[in-house]
Protein backbone atom coordinates (compact mmCIF):
# COMPACT_ATOMS: atom_id res chain seq x y z
CA MET A 1 -27.98 -80.22 -34.13
CA GLN A 2 -29.55 -80.61 -30.72
CA MET A 3 -31.04 -77.12 -31.04
CA VAL A 4 -32.72 -77.96 -34.36
CA TYR A 5 -34.10 -81.21 -32.94
CA ARG A 6 -35.55 -79.49 -29.87
CA SER A 7 -36.78 -76.50 -31.87
CA ASN A 8 -38.83 -78.74 -34.15
CA ARG A 9 -40.62 -80.23 -31.17
CA LEU A 10 -41.29 -76.78 -29.75
CA LEU A 11 -42.55 -75.56 -33.12
CA PHE A 12 -45.02 -78.44 -33.26
CA TYR A 13 -46.17 -77.82 -29.67
CA PHE A 14 -46.74 -74.08 -30.11
CA VAL A 15 -48.55 -74.38 -33.43
CA PHE A 16 -50.65 -77.33 -32.20
CA MET A 17 -51.71 -75.58 -28.98
CA PHE A 18 -52.47 -72.38 -30.83
CA PHE A 19 -54.71 -73.95 -33.46
CA ILE A 20 -56.47 -76.29 -31.04
CA SER A 21 -57.37 -73.41 -28.74
CA LEU A 22 -58.29 -71.20 -31.71
CA TYR A 23 -60.59 -73.87 -33.11
CA LEU A 24 -62.22 -74.78 -29.79
CA SER A 25 -62.88 -71.20 -28.76
CA TYR A 26 -64.32 -70.42 -32.20
CA LYS A 27 -66.58 -73.48 -32.07
CA LEU A 28 -67.75 -72.53 -28.57
CA GLY A 29 -68.93 -69.19 -29.92
CA ALA A 30 -66.28 -66.83 -28.62
CA ASN A 31 -65.85 -63.58 -30.50
CA TYR A 32 -62.63 -62.59 -32.26
CA LYS A 33 -61.04 -60.83 -29.31
CA GLN A 34 -61.80 -63.69 -26.91
CA THR A 35 -60.63 -66.32 -29.41
CA THR A 36 -57.36 -64.51 -30.01
CA ILE A 37 -56.66 -63.97 -26.32
CA LEU A 38 -57.39 -67.61 -25.49
CA SER A 39 -55.19 -68.87 -28.32
CA PHE A 40 -52.17 -66.81 -27.40
CA ALA A 41 -52.60 -67.53 -23.68
CA ALA A 42 -52.72 -71.28 -24.36
CA ASP A 43 -49.69 -70.97 -26.59
CA SER A 44 -47.37 -69.31 -24.09
CA ASN A 45 -46.95 -71.05 -20.76
CA ASN A 46 -44.62 -69.23 -18.35
CA PHE A 47 -41.32 -70.29 -19.90
CA GLU A 48 -39.46 -67.82 -17.74
CA LEU A 49 -40.41 -69.73 -14.62
CA ALA A 50 -39.69 -73.05 -16.31
CA ASN A 51 -36.21 -71.80 -17.26
CA ALA A 52 -35.31 -70.92 -13.71
CA ILE A 53 -36.58 -74.20 -12.25
CA VAL A 54 -35.12 -76.56 -14.85
CA VAL A 55 -31.67 -74.96 -14.91
CA ALA A 56 -31.53 -74.72 -11.11
CA VAL A 57 -32.51 -78.37 -10.66
CA PHE A 58 -30.78 -80.11 -13.57
CA GLY A 59 -28.11 -77.76 -14.90
CA ILE A 60 -27.73 -76.51 -18.46
CA ASN A 61 -26.11 -79.69 -19.84
CA LEU A 62 -29.31 -81.73 -19.65
CA GLY A 63 -31.35 -81.76 -22.87
CA GLN A 64 -34.54 -80.65 -21.12
CA ALA A 65 -32.76 -77.68 -19.58
CA PHE A 66 -31.34 -76.74 -22.97
CA ALA A 67 -34.82 -76.95 -24.47
CA ALA A 68 -36.17 -74.72 -21.70
CA ILE A 69 -33.57 -72.10 -22.55
CA ILE A 70 -34.15 -72.07 -26.31
CA GLY A 71 -37.92 -72.43 -25.87
CA PRO A 72 -38.64 -68.72 -25.43
CA LEU A 73 -36.41 -67.85 -28.36
CA VAL A 74 -38.35 -70.20 -30.61
CA GLU A 75 -41.67 -69.24 -29.05
CA MET A 76 -41.37 -65.54 -29.83
CA ARG A 77 -40.69 -66.16 -33.50
CA ILE A 78 -43.59 -68.57 -33.76
CA ILE A 79 -46.00 -66.27 -31.94
CA THR A 80 -45.01 -63.36 -34.16
CA SER A 81 -45.84 -65.50 -37.19
CA LEU A 82 -49.12 -66.61 -35.66
CA VAL A 83 -50.23 -62.99 -35.30
CA ASN A 84 -50.43 -62.84 -39.09
CA VAL A 85 -52.39 -66.10 -39.12
CA VAL A 86 -54.92 -64.73 -36.63
CA LEU A 87 -55.38 -61.58 -38.70
CA ARG A 88 -56.18 -63.71 -41.74
CA PHE A 89 -58.63 -65.82 -39.74
CA ALA A 90 -60.28 -62.63 -38.51
CA ARG A 91 -60.95 -61.53 -42.06
CA GLY A 92 -62.30 -64.96 -43.06
CA PHE A 93 -64.27 -66.17 -40.06
CA PHE A 94 -65.11 -63.12 -37.97
CA SER A 95 -65.81 -60.58 -40.69
CA SER A 96 -69.33 -59.87 -39.44
CA ASN A 97 -68.37 -58.84 -35.91
CA ILE A 98 -64.81 -57.43 -36.04
CA SER A 99 -62.90 -54.72 -37.77
CA VAL A 100 -59.22 -55.65 -38.02
CA GLN A 101 -56.67 -52.89 -38.33
CA SER A 102 -53.68 -53.82 -40.48
C-alpha cells in the first residue's frame, strides 16, 4: 500500500513538471526539439544520485528512502508514456516547423 501511495505522488510530480516545462518553453517560443528536450530534462532529476544519498543517510525503512528507490521505476513508465504525448503535441502545435517520425 505504501508503494501505491508514494507512486501516486511521484506520478503527479512527473506529469506536472513535464507539462509545466512543455507549456512554458512553448510559450517562450522554443521549437519542437528544444521544447521536448527541456520538458524531459525538467522531468527527470538525477534519481540515481538521490537513491544513493537517501539510502546511505536514512536506510531503506524510511518512507522517503523507499520513495527514492521506487521513484526511478515509476519515472521510466511515466516518461515512456509522455513520449507519446509529446508526439501528439508535435503534430498539433508544431506542425509548421517539424516533421515527426512515427
